[in-house]
PDB file of N, CA and C in Angstrom:
ATOM      1  N   UNK A   1      -1.464  -1.157  34.810  1.00  0.00           N
ATOM      2  CA  UNK A   1      -1.259   0.159  35.458  1.00  0.00           C
ATOM      3  C   UNK A   1      -1.428   1.453  34.669  1.00  0.00           C
ATOM      4  N   UNK A   2      -1.750   2.371  35.468  1.00  0.00           N
ATOM      5  CA  UNK A   2      -1.688   3.579  34.534  1.00  0.00           C
ATOM      6  C   UNK A   2      -0.709   4.662  35.195  1.00  0.00           C
ATOM      7  N   UNK A   3       0.403   5.009  34.357  1.00  0.00           N
ATOM      8  CA  UNK A   3       1.272   5.554  34.924  1.00  0.00           C
ATOM      9  C   UNK A   3       1.326   7.297  34.265  1.00  0.00           C
ATOM     10  N   UNK A   4       1.272   8.389  35.070  1.00  0.00           N
ATOM     11  CA  UNK A   4       1.314   9.564  34.330  1.00  0.00           C
ATOM     12  C   UNK A   4       2.653   9.716  33.775  1.00  0.00           C
ATOM     13  N   UNK A   5       2.697  10.253  32.688  1.00  0.00           N
ATOM     14  CA  UNK A   5       4.104  10.678  32.026  1.00  0.00           C
ATOM     15  C   UNK A   5       4.545  12.216  32.426  1.00  0.00           C
ATOM     16  N   UNK A   6       5.690  12.353  32.502  1.00  0.00           N
ATOM     17  CA  UNK A   6       6.087  13.809  32.774  1.00  0.00           C
ATOM     18  C   UNK A   6       5.961  14.790  31.771  1.00  0.00           C
ATOM     19  N   UNK A   7       5.714  14.398  30.590  1.00  0.00           N
ATOM     20  CA  UNK A   7       5.496  15.548  29.509  1.00  0.00           C
ATOM     21  C   UNK A   7       4.114  15.184  29.119  1.00  0.00           C
ATOM     22  N   UNK A   8       3.091  14.651  30.082  1.00  0.00           N
ATOM     23  CA  UNK A   8       1.685  14.462  29.454  1.00  0.00           C
ATOM     24  C   UNK A   8       1.339  13.146  29.161  1.00  0.00           C
ATOM     25  N   UNK A   9       0.321  12.687  29.412  1.00  0.00           N
ATOM     26  CA  UNK A   9      -0.365  11.242  29.001  1.00  0.00           C
ATOM     27  C   UNK A   9      -0.024  10.327  29.977  1.00  0.00           C
ATOM     28  N   UNK A  10      -0.294   9.088  29.475  1.00  0.00           N
ATOM     29  CA  UNK A  10      -0.552   8.132  30.361  1.00  0.00           C
ATOM     30  C   UNK A  10       0.165   6.862  29.603  1.00  0.00           C
ATOM     31  N   UNK A  11       1.090   6.016  30.297  1.00  0.00           N
ATOM     32  CA  UNK A  11       1.575   4.953  29.706  1.00  0.00           C
ATOM     33  C   UNK A  11       0.643   3.775  30.528  1.00  0.00           C
ATOM     34  N   UNK A  12       0.110   2.827  29.661  1.00  0.00           N
ATOM     35  CA  UNK A  12      -0.703   1.882  30.483  1.00  0.00           C
ATOM     36  C   UNK A  12      -0.009   0.430  30.343  1.00  0.00           C
ATOM     37  N   UNK A  13       0.252  -0.317  31.165  1.00  0.00           N
ATOM     38  CA  UNK A  13       0.940  -1.813  31.104  1.00  0.00           C
ATOM     39  C   UNK A  13       0.199  -2.805  32.182  1.00  0.00           C
ATOM     40  N   UNK A  14       0.317  -3.837  31.704  1.00  0.00           N
ATOM     41  CA  UNK A  14      -0.373  -4.929  32.453  1.00  0.00           C
ATOM     42  C   UNK A  14       0.686  -5.968  33.165  1.00  0.00           C
ATOM     43  N   UNK A  15       0.891  -6.008  34.535  1.00  0.00           N
ATOM     44  CA  UNK A  15       1.656  -6.687  35.127  1.00  0.00           C
ATOM     45  C   UNK A  15       1.952  -7.973  34.734  1.00  0.00           C
ATOM     46  N   UNK A  16       0.673  -8.663  34.555  1.00  0.00           N
ATOM     47  CA  UNK A  16       0.787 -10.090  34.220  1.00  0.00           C
ATOM     48  C   UNK A  16       0.924 -10.492  32.926  1.00  0.00           C
ATOM     49  N   UNK A  17       0.945  -9.341  32.058  1.00  0.00           N
ATOM     50  CA  UNK A  17       1.050  -9.681  30.702  1.00  0.00           C
ATOM     51  C   UNK A  17       2.424  -9.051  30.098  1.00  0.00           C
ATOM     52  N   UNK A  18       3.535  -9.966  29.947  1.00  0.00           N
ATOM     53  CA  UNK A  18       4.702  -9.173  29.713  1.00  0.00           C
ATOM     54  C   UNK A  18       4.773  -8.626  28.154  1.00  0.00           C
ATOM     55  N   UNK A  19       4.947  -7.388  27.936  1.00  0.00           N
ATOM     56  CA  UNK A  19       5.084  -6.769  26.702  1.00  0.00           C
ATOM     57  C   UNK A  19       3.720  -6.124  26.209  1.00  0.00           C
ATOM     58  N   UNK A  20       2.646  -6.179  26.940  1.00  0.00           N
ATOM     59  CA  UNK A  20       1.543  -5.665  26.809  1.00  0.00           C
ATOM     60  C   UNK A  20       1.321  -4.147  27.356  1.00  0.00           C
ATOM     61  N   UNK A  21       1.575  -3.078  26.389  1.00  0.00           N
ATOM     62  CA  UNK A  21       1.383  -1.633  27.058  1.00  0.00           C
ATOM     63  C   UNK A  21       1.033  -0.949  25.921  1.00  0.00           C
ATOM     64  N   UNK A  22       0.599   0.178  26.447  1.00  0.00           N
ATOM     65  CA  UNK A  22       0.160   1.230  25.356  1.00  0.00           C
ATOM     66  C   UNK A  22       0.314   2.412  25.887  1.00  0.00           C
ATOM     67  N   UNK A  23      -0.245   3.548  25.125  1.00  0.00           N
ATOM     68  CA  UNK A  23      -0.236   5.094  25.799  1.00  0.00           C
ATOM     69  C   UNK A  23      -1.436   5.837  25.349  1.00  0.00           C
ATOM     70  N   UNK A  24      -1.796   6.756  25.999  1.00  0.00           N
ATOM     71  CA  UNK A  24      -2.812   7.494  25.621  1.00  0.00           C
ATOM     72  C   UNK A  24      -2.503   9.124  26.132  1.00  0.00           C
ATOM     73  N   UNK A  25      -3.018   9.914  25.366  1.00  0.00           N
ATOM     74  CA  UNK A  25      -2.746  11.398  25.585  1.00  0.00           C
ATOM     75  C   UNK A  25      -3.537  11.982  26.792  1.00  0.00           C
ATOM     76  N   UNK A  26      -4.606  11.493  26.969  1.00  0.00           N
ATOM     77  CA  UNK A  26      -5.379  11.785  28.301  1.00  0.00           C
ATOM     78  C   UNK A  26      -6.045  10.378  28.822  1.00  0.00           C
ATOM     79  N   UNK A  27      -6.304  10.617  29.994  1.00  0.00           N
ATOM     80  CA  UNK A  27      -6.804   9.351  30.853  1.00  0.00           C
ATOM     81  C   UNK A  27      -7.910   8.515  29.967  1.00  0.00           C
ATOM     82  N   UNK A  28      -8.965   9.296  29.669  1.00  0.00           N
ATOM     83  CA  UNK A  28      -9.917   8.609  28.554  1.00  0.00           C
ATOM     84  C   UNK A  28      -9.474   7.789  27.506  1.00  0.00           C
ATOM     85  N   UNK A  29      -8.508   8.371  26.812  1.00  0.00           N
ATOM     86  CA  UNK A  29      -7.797   7.684  25.619  1.00  0.00           C
ATOM     87  C   UNK A  29      -7.203   6.757  26.297  1.00  0.00           C
ATOM     88  N   UNK A  30      -6.122   6.839  27.346  1.00  0.00           N
ATOM     89  CA  UNK A  30      -5.708   5.764  27.871  1.00  0.00           C
ATOM     90  C   UNK A  30      -6.150   4.512  28.039  1.00  0.00           C
ATOM     91  N   UNK A  31      -7.500   4.732  28.766  1.00  0.00           N
ATOM     92  CA  UNK A  31      -8.547   3.877  28.830  1.00  0.00           C
ATOM     93  C   UNK A  31      -8.912   2.797  27.915  1.00  0.00           C
ATOM     94  N   UNK A  32      -9.136   3.763  26.605  1.00  0.00           N
ATOM     95  CA  UNK A  32      -9.578   3.126  25.314  1.00  0.00           C
ATOM     96  C   UNK A  32      -8.331   2.425  24.775  1.00  0.00           C
ATOM     97  N   UNK A  33      -7.256   2.836  24.830  1.00  0.00           N
ATOM     98  CA  UNK A  33      -6.050   2.087  24.262  1.00  0.00           C
ATOM     99  C   UNK A  33      -5.616   1.098  25.141  1.00  0.00           C
ATOM    100  N   UNK A  34      -6.073   0.916  26.195  1.00  0.00           N
ATOM    101  CA  UNK A  34      -5.726  -0.148  27.108  1.00  0.00           C
ATOM    102  C   UNK A  34      -6.552  -1.332  26.824  1.00  0.00           C
ATOM    103  N   UNK A  35      -7.926  -1.023  26.517  1.00  0.00           N
ATOM    104  CA  UNK A  35      -8.966  -2.072  26.207  1.00  0.00           C
ATOM    105  C   UNK A  35      -8.581  -2.660  24.841  1.00  0.00           C
ATOM    106  N   UNK A  36      -8.159  -1.877  23.960  1.00  0.00           N
ATOM    107  CA  UNK A  36      -7.645  -2.260  22.567  1.00  0.00           C
ATOM    108  C   UNK A  36      -6.620  -3.341  22.531  1.00  0.00           C
ATOM    109  N   UNK A  37      -5.391  -2.682  23.640  1.00  0.00           N
ATOM    110  CA  UNK A  37      -4.171  -3.433  23.717  1.00  0.00           C
ATOM    111  C   UNK A  37      -4.399  -4.792  24.503  1.00  0.00           C
ATOM    112  N   UNK A  38      -5.316  -4.656  25.360  1.00  0.00           N
ATOM    113  CA  UNK A  38      -5.432  -6.258  26.124  1.00  0.00           C
ATOM    114  C   UNK A  38      -6.380  -6.885  25.373  1.00  0.00           C
ATOM    115  N   UNK A  39      -7.275  -6.285  24.665  1.00  0.00           N
ATOM    116  CA  UNK A  39      -8.075  -7.399  23.716  1.00  0.00           C
ATOM    117  C   UNK A  39      -7.102  -7.953  22.804  1.00  0.00           C
ATOM    118  N   UNK A  40      -6.459  -7.404  22.244  1.00  0.00           N
ATOM    119  CA  UNK A  40      -5.362  -7.956  20.879  1.00  0.00           C
ATOM    120  C   UNK A  40      -4.263  -8.898  21.671  1.00  0.00           C
ATOM    121  N   UNK A  41      -3.779  -8.587  22.841  1.00  0.00           N
ATOM    122  CA  UNK A  41      -2.957  -9.626  23.485  1.00  0.00           C
ATOM    123  C   UNK A  41      -3.598 -10.893  23.806  1.00  0.00           C
ATOM    124  N   UNK A  42      -4.791 -10.672  24.535  1.00  0.00           N
ATOM    125  CA  UNK A  42      -5.553 -12.183  24.802  1.00  0.00           C
ATOM    126  C   UNK A  42      -5.990 -12.638  23.651  1.00  0.00           C
ATOM    127  N   UNK A  43      -6.328 -12.118  22.634  1.00  0.00           N
ATOM    128  CA  UNK A  43      -6.766 -12.967  21.520  1.00  0.00           C
ATOM    129  C   UNK A  43      -5.636 -13.632  20.731  1.00  0.00           C
ATOM    130  N   UNK A  44      -4.436 -13.106  20.759  1.00  0.00           N
ATOM    131  CA  UNK A  44      -2.964 -13.980  20.427  1.00  0.00           C
ATOM    132  C   UNK A  44      -3.050 -15.015  21.488  1.00  0.00           C
ATOM    133  N   UNK A  45      -2.981 -14.814  22.599  1.00  0.00           N
ATOM    134  CA  UNK A  45      -2.562 -15.919  23.681  1.00  0.00           C
ATOM    135  C   UNK A  45      -3.759 -17.166  23.266  1.00  0.00           C
ATOM    136  N   UNK A  46      -4.983 -16.719  23.217  1.00  0.00           N
ATOM    137  CA  UNK A  46      -6.088 -17.565  22.816  1.00  0.00           C
ATOM    138  C   UNK A  46      -5.811 -18.257  21.466  1.00  0.00           C
ATOM    139  N   UNK A  47      -5.412 -17.732  20.418  1.00  0.00           N
ATOM    140  CA  UNK A  47      -5.164 -18.346  19.253  1.00  0.00           C
ATOM    141  C   UNK A  47      -3.804 -19.089  19.145  1.00  0.00           C
ATOM    142  N   UNK A  48      -2.879 -18.731  20.102  1.00  0.00           N
ATOM    143  CA  UNK A  48      -1.766 -19.589  20.187  1.00  0.00           C
ATOM    144  C   UNK A  48      -1.987 -20.893  21.202  1.00  0.00           C
ATOM    145  N   UNK A  49      -3.221 -20.991  22.008  1.00  0.00           N
ATOM    146  CA  UNK A  49      -3.236 -21.865  22.838  1.00  0.00           C
ATOM    147  C   UNK A  49      -2.237 -21.812  24.083  1.00  0.00           C
ATOM    148  N   UNK A  50      -1.918 -20.461  24.482  1.00  0.00           N
ATOM    149  CA  UNK A  50      -1.123 -20.050  25.567  1.00  0.00           C
ATOM    150  C   UNK A  50      -2.229 -19.892  26.610  1.00  0.00           C
ATOM    151  N   UNK A  51      -2.014 -20.458  28.040  1.00  0.00           N
ATOM    152  CA  UNK A  51      -3.144 -20.089  29.056  1.00  0.00           C
ATOM    153  C   UNK A  51      -3.141 -18.584  29.267  1.00  0.00           C
ATOM    154  N   UNK A  52      -4.362 -17.953  29.357  1.00  0.00           N
ATOM    155  CA  UNK A  52      -4.577 -16.813  29.823  1.00  0.00           C
ATOM    156  C   UNK A  52      -4.126 -16.496  31.394  1.00  0.00           C
ATOM    157  N   UNK A  53      -3.508 -15.403  31.801  1.00  0.00           N
ATOM    158  CA  UNK A  53      -3.078 -15.417  33.386  1.00  0.00           C
ATOM    159  C   UNK A  53      -4.339 -15.006  34.072  1.00  0.00           C
ATOM    160  N   UNK A  54      -4.660 -15.643  35.120  1.00  0.00           N
ATOM    161  CA  UNK A  54      -5.864 -15.504  36.006  1.00  0.00           C
ATOM    162  C   UNK A  54      -5.632 -14.336  36.923  1.00  0.00           C
ATOM    163  N   UNK A  55      -6.596 -13.983  37.596  1.00  0.00           N
ATOM    164  CA  UNK A  55      -6.375 -12.492  38.516  1.00  0.00           C
ATOM    165  C   UNK A  55      -5.543 -12.717  39.391  1.00  0.00           C
ATOM    166  N   UNK A  56      -5.239 -13.774  40.190  1.00  0.00           N
ATOM    167  CA  UNK A  56      -4.389 -14.200  41.090  1.00  0.00           C
ATOM    168  C   UNK A  56      -2.917 -13.963  40.737  1.00  0.00           C
ATOM    169  N   UNK A  57      -2.651 -13.888  39.322  1.00  0.00           N
ATOM    170  CA  UNK A  57      -1.423 -13.779  38.650  1.00  0.00           C
ATOM    171  C   UNK A  57      -0.830 -12.266  38.965  1.00  0.00           C
ATOM    172  N   UNK A  58      -2.093 -11.404  38.932  1.00  0.00           N
ATOM    173  CA  UNK A  58      -1.466  -9.988  38.801  1.00  0.00           C
ATOM    174  C   UNK A  58      -1.057  -9.504  40.344  1.00  0.00           C
ATOM    175  N   UNK A  59      -0.090  -8.484  40.214  1.00  0.00           N
ATOM    176  CA  UNK A  59      -0.058  -7.856  41.308  1.00  0.00           C
ATOM    177  C   UNK A  59      -0.731  -7.119  41.963  1.00  0.00           C
ATOM    178  N   UNK A  60      -1.094  -7.060  43.377  1.00  0.00           N
ATOM    179  CA  UNK A  60      -2.106  -5.812  44.257  1.00  0.00           C
ATOM    180  C   UNK A  60      -1.934  -4.540  43.936  1.00  0.00           C
ATOM    181  N   UNK A  61      -0.713  -4.202  43.137  1.00  0.00           N
ATOM    182  CA  UNK A  61      -0.587  -2.775  42.842  1.00  0.00           C
ATOM    183  C   UNK A  61      -1.606  -2.295  41.801  1.00  0.00           C
ATOM    184  N   UNK A  62      -2.334  -3.197  40.902  1.00  0.00           N
ATOM    185  CA  UNK A  62      -3.053  -2.630  39.950  1.00  0.00           C
ATOM    186  C   UNK A  62      -4.315  -2.093  40.471  1.00  0.00           C
ATOM    187  N   UNK A  63      -4.459  -0.898  39.793  1.00  0.00           N
ATOM    188  CA  UNK A  63      -5.559   0.155  40.216  1.00  0.00           C
ATOM    189  C   UNK A  63      -6.622   0.306  39.398  1.00  0.00           C
ATOM    190  N   UNK A  64      -6.453  -0.021  38.447  1.00  0.00           N
ATOM    191  CA  UNK A  64      -7.930  -0.077  37.629  1.00  0.00           C
ATOM    192  C   UNK A  64      -8.091  -1.307  36.826  1.00  0.00           C
ATOM    193  N   UNK A  65      -9.329  -1.726  36.550  1.00  0.00           N
ATOM    194  CA  UNK A  65      -9.613  -2.967  35.734  1.00  0.00           C
ATOM    195  C   UNK A  65      -9.955  -2.499  34.348  1.00  0.00           C
ATOM    196  N   UNK A  66      -9.539  -3.345  33.461  1.00  0.00           N
ATOM    197  CA  UNK A  66     -10.132  -3.118  32.062  1.00  0.00           C
ATOM    198  C   UNK A  66     -10.642  -4.464  31.413  1.00  0.00           C
ATOM    199  N   UNK A  67     -11.903  -4.404  31.085  1.00  0.00           N
ATOM    200  CA  UNK A  67     -12.705  -5.526  30.615  1.00  0.00           C
ATOM    201  C   UNK A  67     -12.775  -5.704  29.378  1.00  0.00           C
ATOM    202  N   UNK A  68     -12.606  -6.708  28.732  1.00  0.00           N
ATOM    203  CA  UNK A  68     -12.843  -7.080  27.181  1.00  0.00           C
ATOM    204  C   UNK A  68     -13.634  -8.257  27.202  1.00  0.00           C
ATOM    205  N   UNK A  69     -14.085  -8.716  26.193  1.00  0.00           N
ATOM    206  CA  UNK A  69     -14.630  -9.951  25.694  1.00  0.00           C
ATOM    207  C   UNK A  69     -14.052 -10.510  24.523  1.00  0.00           C
ATOM    208  N   UNK A  70     -13.688 -12.020  24.766  1.00  0.00           N
ATOM    209  CA  UNK A  70     -13.047 -12.726  23.764  1.00  0.00           C
ATOM    210  C   UNK A  70     -14.370 -13.577  23.059  1.00  0.00           C
ATOM    211  N   UNK A  71     -13.983 -13.985  21.839  1.00  0.00           N
ATOM    212  CA  UNK A  71     -14.773 -14.887  21.043  1.00  0.00           C
ATOM    213  C   UNK A  71     -14.522 -16.292  21.465  1.00  0.00           C
ATOM    214  N   UNK A  72     -15.444 -16.942  21.669  1.00  0.00           N
ATOM    215  CA  UNK A  72     -15.120 -18.649  22.013  1.00  0.00           C
ATOM    216  C   UNK A  72     -14.343 -19.058  20.762  1.00  0.00           C
ATOM    217  N   UNK A  73     -13.435 -20.123  21.137  1.00  0.00           N
ATOM    218  CA  UNK A  73     -12.855 -20.648  19.954  1.00  0.00           C
ATOM    219  C   UNK A  73     -13.130 -22.376  20.100  1.00  0.00           C
TER     220      UNK A  73
END
């Protein structure tokens, strides 16, 4: 979810990924930061052997998708 902040910029968080959040000063920067945060978070889940949440686990309030590519383990 991309949430505009009162003083500018956007906080980005992922409802299905507790604790995965980031911030960008502009919407474009927030998108880039979201991709980096998501990539890192998913890589850690993968390394730990923790199941990655599937799309059905995400509430319908998500307004934009961020795509990343993980290396096979």
